[in-house]
């Protein structure tokens, strides 16, 4: 996987256990939605058993209203 599942799990509010020691999606780990379990079987099982939803998923890219704000800004000029 290219890492997309980690981000998709975050967006859908599903806990994720990543079988790696690092990730490009640090925000998913920091928010508690993603656990880096490495590749050792015992660590993976521990992470799976402890997987819990993290804090509320927030949209790191804004609220989806950027286009409307831009139009309003240009309309007022």
PDB file of N, CA and C in Angstrom:
ATOM      1  N   UNK A   1       0.851  -1.182   0.000  1.00  0.00           N
ATOM      2  CA  UNK A   1       0.000   0.000   0.000  1.00  0.00           C
ATOM      3  C   UNK A   1       0.890   1.236   0.000  1.00  0.00           C
ATOM      4  N   UNK A   2       0.445   2.238  -0.675  1.00  0.00           N
ATOM      5  CA  UNK A   2       1.213   3.479  -0.770  1.00  0.00           C
ATOM      6  C   UNK A   2       1.038   4.355   0.457  1.00  0.00           C
ATOM      7  N   UNK A   3       0.246   3.923   1.399  1.00  0.00           N
ATOM      8  CA  UNK A   3      -0.022   4.739   2.575  1.00  0.00           C
ATOM      9  C   UNK A   3      -1.412   5.329   2.549  1.00  0.00           C
ATOM     10  N   UNK A   4      -2.102   5.169   1.443  1.00  0.00           N
ATOM     11  CA  UNK A   4      -3.432   5.746   1.317  1.00  0.00           C
ATOM     12  C   UNK A   4      -4.436   5.206   2.317  1.00  0.00           C
ATOM     13  N   UNK A   5      -4.317   3.941   2.681  1.00  0.00           N
ATOM     14  CA  UNK A   5      -5.254   3.347   3.630  1.00  0.00           C
ATOM     15  C   UNK A   5      -5.169   4.055   4.976  1.00  0.00           C
ATOM     16  N   UNK A   6      -3.981   4.458   5.377  1.00  0.00           N
ATOM     17  CA  UNK A   6      -3.829   5.162   6.647  1.00  0.00           C
ATOM     18  C   UNK A   6      -4.652   6.443   6.656  1.00  0.00           C
ATOM     19  N   UNK A   7      -4.564   7.201   5.595  1.00  0.00           N
ATOM     20  CA  UNK A   7      -5.283   8.466   5.503  1.00  0.00           C
ATOM     21  C   UNK A   7      -6.778   8.220   5.342  1.00  0.00           C
ATOM     22  N   UNK A   8      -7.151   7.228   4.545  1.00  0.00           N
ATOM     23  CA  UNK A   8      -8.568   6.917   4.356  1.00  0.00           C
ATOM     24  C   UNK A   8      -9.206   6.472   5.669  1.00  0.00           C
ATOM     25  N   UNK A   9      -8.502   5.663   6.437  1.00  0.00           N
ATOM     26  CA  UNK A   9      -9.025   5.232   7.733  1.00  0.00           C
ATOM     27  C   UNK A   9      -9.259   6.447   8.625  1.00  0.00           C
ATOM     28  N   UNK A  10      -8.323   7.371   8.611  1.00  0.00           N
ATOM     29  CA  UNK A  10      -8.454   8.608   9.389  1.00  0.00           C
ATOM     30  C   UNK A  10      -9.704   9.373   8.979  1.00  0.00           C
ATOM     31  N   UNK A  11      -9.891   9.578   7.672  1.00  0.00           N
ATOM     32  CA  UNK A  11     -11.048  10.344   7.184  1.00  0.00           C
ATOM     33  C   UNK A  11     -12.366   9.664   7.533  1.00  0.00           C
ATOM     34  N   UNK A  12     -12.377   8.321   7.550  1.00  0.00           N
ATOM     35  CA  UNK A  12     -13.606   7.597   7.855  1.00  0.00           C
ATOM     36  C   UNK A  12     -13.768   7.317   9.343  1.00  0.00           C
ATOM     37  N   UNK A  13     -12.814   7.764  10.162  1.00  0.00           N
ATOM     38  CA  UNK A  13     -12.913   7.581  11.604  1.00  0.00           C
ATOM     39  C   UNK A  13     -12.714   6.149  12.052  1.00  0.00           C
ATOM     40  N   UNK A  14     -11.917   5.397  11.299  1.00  0.00           N
ATOM     41  CA  UNK A  14     -11.654   3.996  11.614  1.00  0.00           C
ATOM     42  C   UNK A  14     -10.219   3.873  12.125  1.00  0.00           C
ATOM     43  N   UNK A  15     -10.023   3.286  13.302  1.00  0.00           N
ATOM     44  CA  UNK A  15      -8.657   3.114  13.799  1.00  0.00           C
ATOM     45  C   UNK A  15      -7.812   2.309  12.810  1.00  0.00           C
ATOM     46  N   UNK A  16      -6.535   2.632  12.732  1.00  0.00           N
ATOM     47  CA  UNK A  16      -5.634   1.983  11.784  1.00  0.00           C
ATOM     48  C   UNK A  16      -4.378   1.513  12.512  1.00  0.00           C
ATOM     49  N   UNK A  17      -3.947   0.319  12.207  1.00  0.00           N
ATOM     50  CA  UNK A  17      -2.672  -0.200  12.703  1.00  0.00           C
ATOM     51  C   UNK A  17      -1.772  -0.356  11.487  1.00  0.00           C
ATOM     52  N   UNK A  18      -0.670   0.381  11.483  1.00  0.00           N
ATOM     53  CA  UNK A  18       0.255   0.377  10.354  1.00  0.00           C
ATOM     54  C   UNK A  18       1.445  -0.511  10.674  1.00  0.00           C
ATOM     55  N   UNK A  19       1.726  -1.448   9.798  1.00  0.00           N
ATOM     56  CA  UNK A  19       2.812  -2.401  10.020  1.00  0.00           C
ATOM     57  C   UNK A  19       4.121  -1.830   9.503  1.00  0.00           C
ATOM     58  N   UNK A  20       4.473  -0.719  10.077  1.00  0.00           N
ATOM     59  CA  UNK A  20       5.719  -0.018   9.752  1.00  0.00           C
ATOM     60  C   UNK A  20       6.206   0.673  11.019  1.00  0.00           C
ATOM     61  N   UNK A  21       7.446   1.166  10.977  1.00  0.00           N
ATOM     62  CA  UNK A  21       8.002   1.912  12.104  1.00  0.00           C
ATOM     63  C   UNK A  21       7.885   3.414  11.919  1.00  0.00           C
ATOM     64  N   UNK A  22       7.504   3.842  10.728  1.00  0.00           N
ATOM     65  CA  UNK A  22       7.345   5.273  10.450  1.00  0.00           C
ATOM     66  C   UNK A  22       6.250   5.449   9.410  1.00  0.00           C
ATOM     67  N   UNK A  23       5.765   6.675   9.302  1.00  0.00           N
ATOM     68  CA  UNK A  23       4.722   6.967   8.330  1.00  0.00           C
ATOM     69  C   UNK A  23       4.869   8.393   7.829  1.00  0.00           C
ATOM     70  N   UNK A  24       4.402   8.610   6.629  1.00  0.00           N
ATOM     71  CA  UNK A  24       4.372   9.956   6.072  1.00  0.00           C
ATOM     72  C   UNK A  24       3.181  10.722   6.639  1.00  0.00           C
ATOM     73  N   UNK A  25       2.204  10.016   7.171  1.00  0.00           N
ATOM     74  CA  UNK A  25       0.971  10.616   7.687  1.00  0.00           C
ATOM     75  C   UNK A  25       1.062  10.777   9.198  1.00  0.00           C
ATOM     76  N   UNK A  26       2.000  11.571   9.643  1.00  0.00           N
ATOM     77  CA  UNK A  26       2.252  11.778  11.070  1.00  0.00           C
ATOM     78  C   UNK A  26       1.000  12.281  11.786  1.00  0.00           C
ATOM     79  N   UNK A  27       0.201  13.101  11.109  1.00  0.00           N
ATOM     80  CA  UNK A  27      -1.002  13.642  11.744  1.00  0.00           C
ATOM     81  C   UNK A  27      -1.965  12.541  12.179  1.00  0.00           C
ATOM     82  N   UNK A  28      -1.998  11.426  11.458  1.00  0.00           N
ATOM     83  CA  UNK A  28      -2.901  10.340  11.834  1.00  0.00           C
ATOM     84  C   UNK A  28      -2.431   9.654  13.115  1.00  0.00           C
ATOM     85  N   UNK A  29      -1.131   9.612  13.326  1.00  0.00           N
ATOM     86  CA  UNK A  29      -0.569   9.028  14.550  1.00  0.00           C
ATOM     87  C   UNK A  29      -0.763   9.996  15.711  1.00  0.00           C
ATOM     88  N   UNK A  30      -0.458  11.267  15.479  1.00  0.00           N
ATOM     89  CA  UNK A  30      -0.572  12.274  16.537  1.00  0.00           C
ATOM     90  C   UNK A  30      -2.001  12.413  17.046  1.00  0.00           C
ATOM     91  N   UNK A  31      -2.972  12.200  16.181  1.00  0.00           N
ATOM     92  CA  UNK A  31      -4.372  12.328  16.589  1.00  0.00           C
ATOM     93  C   UNK A  31      -4.913  11.050  17.228  1.00  0.00           C
ATOM     94  N   UNK A  32      -4.122   9.981  17.204  1.00  0.00           N
ATOM     95  CA  UNK A  32      -4.528   8.739  17.846  1.00  0.00           C
ATOM     96  C   UNK A  32      -5.286   7.769  16.965  1.00  0.00           C
ATOM     97  N   UNK A  33      -5.461   8.099  15.689  1.00  0.00           N
ATOM     98  CA  UNK A  33      -6.212   7.221  14.791  1.00  0.00           C
ATOM     99  C   UNK A  33      -5.336   6.135  14.175  1.00  0.00           C
ATOM    100  N   UNK A  34      -4.048   6.292  14.219  1.00  0.00           N
ATOM    101  CA  UNK A  34      -3.127   5.366  13.567  1.00  0.00           C
ATOM    102  C   UNK A  34      -2.035   4.989  14.560  1.00  0.00           C
ATOM    103  N   UNK A  35      -1.742   3.703  14.648  1.00  0.00           N
ATOM    104  CA  UNK A  35      -0.686   3.209  15.529  1.00  0.00           C
ATOM    105  C   UNK A  35       0.376   2.553  14.665  1.00  0.00           C
ATOM    106  N   UNK A  36       1.623   2.932  14.890  1.00  0.00           N
ATOM    107  CA  UNK A  36       2.738   2.302  14.179  1.00  0.00           C
ATOM    108  C   UNK A  36       3.157   1.074  14.978  1.00  0.00           C
ATOM    109  N   UNK A  37       2.950  -0.105  14.415  1.00  0.00           N
ATOM    110  CA  UNK A  37       3.180  -1.345  15.150  1.00  0.00           C
ATOM    111  C   UNK A  37       4.482  -2.038  14.788  1.00  0.00           C
ATOM    112  N   UNK A  38       5.159  -1.589  13.749  1.00  0.00           N
ATOM    113  CA  UNK A  38       6.360  -2.286  13.330  1.00  0.00           C
ATOM    114  C   UNK A  38       6.012  -3.593  12.637  1.00  0.00           C
ATOM    115  N   UNK A  39       6.941  -4.539  12.682  1.00  0.00           N
ATOM    116  CA  UNK A  39       6.720  -5.809  11.978  1.00  0.00           C
ATOM    117  C   UNK A  39       6.790  -7.039  12.884  1.00  0.00           C
ATOM    118  N   UNK A  40       6.971  -6.828  14.168  1.00  0.00           N
ATOM    119  CA  UNK A  40       7.013  -7.951  15.111  1.00  0.00           C
ATOM    120  C   UNK A  40       5.592  -8.382  15.454  1.00  0.00           C
ATOM    121  N   UNK A  41       5.334  -9.682  15.387  1.00  0.00           N
ATOM    122  CA  UNK A  41       3.984 -10.211  15.601  1.00  0.00           C
ATOM    123  C   UNK A  41       3.387  -9.775  16.938  1.00  0.00           C
ATOM    124  N   UNK A  42       4.172  -9.825  17.999  1.00  0.00           N
ATOM    125  CA  UNK A  42       3.652  -9.469  19.325  1.00  0.00           C
ATOM    126  C   UNK A  42       3.223  -8.004  19.376  1.00  0.00           C
ATOM    127  N   UNK A  43       4.008  -7.130  18.780  1.00  0.00           N
ATOM    128  CA  UNK A  43       3.667  -5.699  18.759  1.00  0.00           C
ATOM    129  C   UNK A  43       2.422  -5.445  17.915  1.00  0.00           C
ATOM    130  N   UNK A  44       2.309  -6.169  16.814  1.00  0.00           N
ATOM    131  CA  UNK A  44       1.135  -6.014  15.948  1.00  0.00           C
ATOM    132  C   UNK A  44      -0.122  -6.439  16.702  1.00  0.00           C
ATOM    133  N   UNK A  45      -0.080  -7.588  17.359  1.00  0.00           N
ATOM    134  CA  UNK A  45      -1.244  -8.068  18.109  1.00  0.00           C
ATOM    135  C   UNK A  45      -1.613  -7.106  19.230  1.00  0.00           C
ATOM    136  N   UNK A  46      -0.620  -6.580  19.916  1.00  0.00           N
ATOM    137  CA  UNK A  46      -0.870  -5.614  20.989  1.00  0.00           C
ATOM    138  C   UNK A  46      -1.548  -4.365  20.425  1.00  0.00           C
ATOM    139  N   UNK A  47      -1.053  -3.871  19.311  1.00  0.00           N
ATOM    140  CA  UNK A  47      -1.619  -2.665  18.697  1.00  0.00           C
ATOM    141  C   UNK A  47      -3.054  -2.903  18.242  1.00  0.00           C
ATOM    142  N   UNK A  48      -3.316  -4.070  17.666  1.00  0.00           N
ATOM    143  CA  UNK A  48      -4.674  -4.386  17.200  1.00  0.00           C
ATOM    144  C   UNK A  48      -5.639  -4.441  18.381  1.00  0.00           C
ATOM    145  N   UNK A  49      -5.227  -5.062  19.466  1.00  0.00           N
ATOM    146  CA  UNK A  49      -6.091  -5.180  20.642  1.00  0.00           C
ATOM    147  C   UNK A  49      -6.360  -3.826  21.289  1.00  0.00           C
ATOM    148  N   UNK A  50      -5.412  -2.905  21.185  1.00  0.00           N
ATOM    149  CA  UNK A  50      -5.555  -1.598  21.825  1.00  0.00           C
ATOM    150  C   UNK A  50      -6.106  -0.525  20.892  1.00  0.00           C
ATOM    151  N   UNK A  51      -6.331  -0.861  19.646  1.00  0.00           N
ATOM    152  CA  UNK A  51      -6.779   0.140  18.670  1.00  0.00           C
ATOM    153  C   UNK A  51      -8.116   0.735  19.096  1.00  0.00           C
ATOM    154  N   UNK A  52      -8.128   2.025  19.278  1.00  0.00           N
ATOM    155  CA  UNK A  52      -9.321   2.771  19.657  1.00  0.00           C
ATOM    156  C   UNK A  52      -9.394   4.025  18.805  1.00  0.00           C
ATOM    157  N   UNK A  53     -10.597   4.502  18.539  1.00  0.00           N
ATOM    158  CA  UNK A  53     -10.687   5.779  17.814  1.00  0.00           C
ATOM    159  C   UNK A  53      -9.975   6.874  18.590  1.00  0.00           C
ATOM    160  N   UNK A  54      -9.342   7.762  17.868  1.00  0.00           N
ATOM    161  CA  UNK A  54      -8.635   8.872  18.486  1.00  0.00           C
ATOM    162  C   UNK A  54      -9.551  10.045  18.731  1.00  0.00           C
ATOM    163  N   UNK A  55      -8.970  11.211  18.770  1.00  0.00           N
ATOM    164  CA  UNK A  55      -9.749  12.422  18.956  1.00  0.00           C
ATOM    165  C   UNK A  55     -10.629  12.647  17.736  1.00  0.00           C
ATOM    166  N   UNK A  56     -11.508  13.596  17.835  1.00  0.00           N
ATOM    167  CA  UNK A  56     -12.408  13.899  16.721  1.00  0.00           C
ATOM    168  C   UNK A  56     -11.596  14.180  15.459  1.00  0.00           C
ATOM    169  N   UNK A  57     -12.024  13.578  14.362  1.00  0.00           N
ATOM    170  CA  UNK A  57     -11.352  13.813  13.087  1.00  0.00           C
ATOM    171  C   UNK A  57     -11.600  15.254  12.675  1.00  0.00           C
ATOM    172  N   UNK A  58     -10.547  15.963  12.394  1.00  0.00           N
ATOM    173  CA  UNK A  58     -10.696  17.334  11.911  1.00  0.00           C
ATOM    174  C   UNK A  58     -10.126  17.401  10.503  1.00  0.00           C
ATOM    175  N   UNK A  59     -10.638  18.299   9.733  1.00  0.00           N
ATOM    176  CA  UNK A  59     -10.176  18.445   8.360  1.00  0.00           C
ATOM    177  C   UNK A  59      -8.964  19.364   8.348  1.00  0.00           C
ATOM    178  N   UNK A  60      -7.806  18.796   8.163  1.00  0.00           N
ATOM    179  CA  UNK A  60      -6.566  19.572   8.158  1.00  0.00           C
ATOM    180  C   UNK A  60      -6.465  20.487   6.950  1.00  0.00           C
ATOM    181  N   UNK A  61      -7.359  20.288   5.990  1.00  0.00           N
ATOM    182  CA  UNK A  61      -7.303  21.077   4.759  1.00  0.00           C
ATOM    183  C   UNK A  61      -8.373  22.156   4.715  1.00  0.00           C
ATOM    184  N   UNK A  62      -9.019  22.415   5.826  1.00  0.00           N
ATOM    185  CA  UNK A  62     -10.034  23.463   5.866  1.00  0.00           C
ATOM    186  C   UNK A  62     -11.427  22.885   5.970  1.00  0.00           C
ATOM    187  N   UNK A  63     -12.403  23.744   5.731  1.00  0.00           N
ATOM    188  CA  UNK A  63     -13.795  23.332   5.906  1.00  0.00           C
ATOM    189  C   UNK A  63     -14.555  23.150   4.600  1.00  0.00           C
ATOM    190  N   UNK A  64     -13.858  23.200   3.470  1.00  0.00           N
ATOM    191  CA  UNK A  64     -14.508  23.006   2.185  1.00  0.00           C
ATOM    192  C   UNK A  64     -15.154  24.253   1.623  1.00  0.00           C
ATOM    193  N   UNK A  65     -14.952  25.382   2.266  1.00  0.00           N
ATOM    194  CA  UNK A  65     -15.594  26.624   1.841  1.00  0.00           C
ATOM    195  C   UNK A  65     -14.616  27.612   1.213  1.00  0.00           C
ATOM    196  N   UNK A  66     -13.430  27.165   0.853  1.00  0.00           N
ATOM    197  CA  UNK A  66     -12.403  28.068   0.311  1.00  0.00           C
ATOM    198  C   UNK A  66     -12.865  28.762  -0.963  1.00  0.00           C
ATOM    199  N   UNK A  67     -13.471  28.028  -1.886  1.00  0.00           N
ATOM    200  CA  UNK A  67     -13.904  28.628  -3.158  1.00  0.00           C
ATOM    201  C   UNK A  67     -14.912  29.738  -2.913  1.00  0.00           C
ATOM    202  N   UNK A  68     -15.848  29.502  -2.024  1.00  0.00           N
ATOM    203  CA  UNK A  68     -16.857  30.520  -1.709  1.00  0.00           C
ATOM    204  C   UNK A  68     -16.206  31.764  -1.109  1.00  0.00           C
ATOM    205  N   UNK A  69     -15.251  31.572  -0.221  1.00  0.00           N
ATOM    206  CA  UNK A  69     -14.553  32.716   0.381  1.00  0.00           C
ATOM    207  C   UNK A  69     -13.779  33.512  -0.669  1.00  0.00           C
ATOM    208  N   UNK A  70     -13.151  32.819  -1.595  1.00  0.00           N
ATOM    209  CA  UNK A  70     -12.389  33.495  -2.652  1.00  0.00           C
ATOM    210  C   UNK A  70     -13.320  34.308  -3.538  1.00  0.00           C
ATOM    211  N   UNK A  71     -14.443  33.722  -3.925  1.00  0.00           N
ATOM    212  CA  UNK A  71     -15.419  34.442  -4.751  1.00  0.00           C
ATOM    213  C   UNK A  71     -15.918  35.674  -4.008  1.00  0.00           C
ATOM    214  N   UNK A  72     -16.245  35.528  -2.745  1.00  0.00           N
ATOM    215  CA  UNK A  72     -16.718  36.669  -1.955  1.00  0.00           C
ATOM    216  C   UNK A  72     -15.656  37.752  -1.849  1.00  0.00           C
ATOM    217  N   UNK A  73     -14.418  37.348  -1.684  1.00  0.00           N
ATOM    218  CA  UNK A  73     -13.324  38.310  -1.591  1.00  0.00           C
ATOM    219  C   UNK A  73     -13.188  39.095  -2.887  1.00  0.00           C
ATOM    220  N   UNK A  74     -13.174  38.404  -4.014  1.00  0.00           N
ATOM    221  CA  UNK A  74     -13.039  39.093  -5.303  1.00  0.00           C
ATOM    222  C   UNK A  74     -14.273  39.926  -5.640  1.00  0.00           C
ATOM    223  N   UNK A  75     -15.430  39.486  -5.190  1.00  0.00           N
ATOM    224  CA  UNK A  75     -16.663  40.238  -5.451  1.00  0.00           C
ATOM    225  C   UNK A  75     -16.691  41.556  -4.695  1.00  0.00           C
ATOM    226  N   UNK A  76     -15.995  41.599  -3.568  1.00  0.00           N
ATOM    227  CA  UNK A  76     -16.007  42.820  -2.754  1.00  0.00           C
ATOM    228  C   UNK A  76     -14.940  43.822  -3.166  1.00  0.00           C
ATOM    229  N   UNK A  77     -14.103  43.476  -4.120  1.00  0.00           N
ATOM    230  CA  UNK A  77     -13.018  44.371  -4.559  1.00  0.00           C
ATOM    231  C   UNK A  77     -13.516  45.310  -5.626  1.00  0.00           C
TER     232      UNK A  77
END
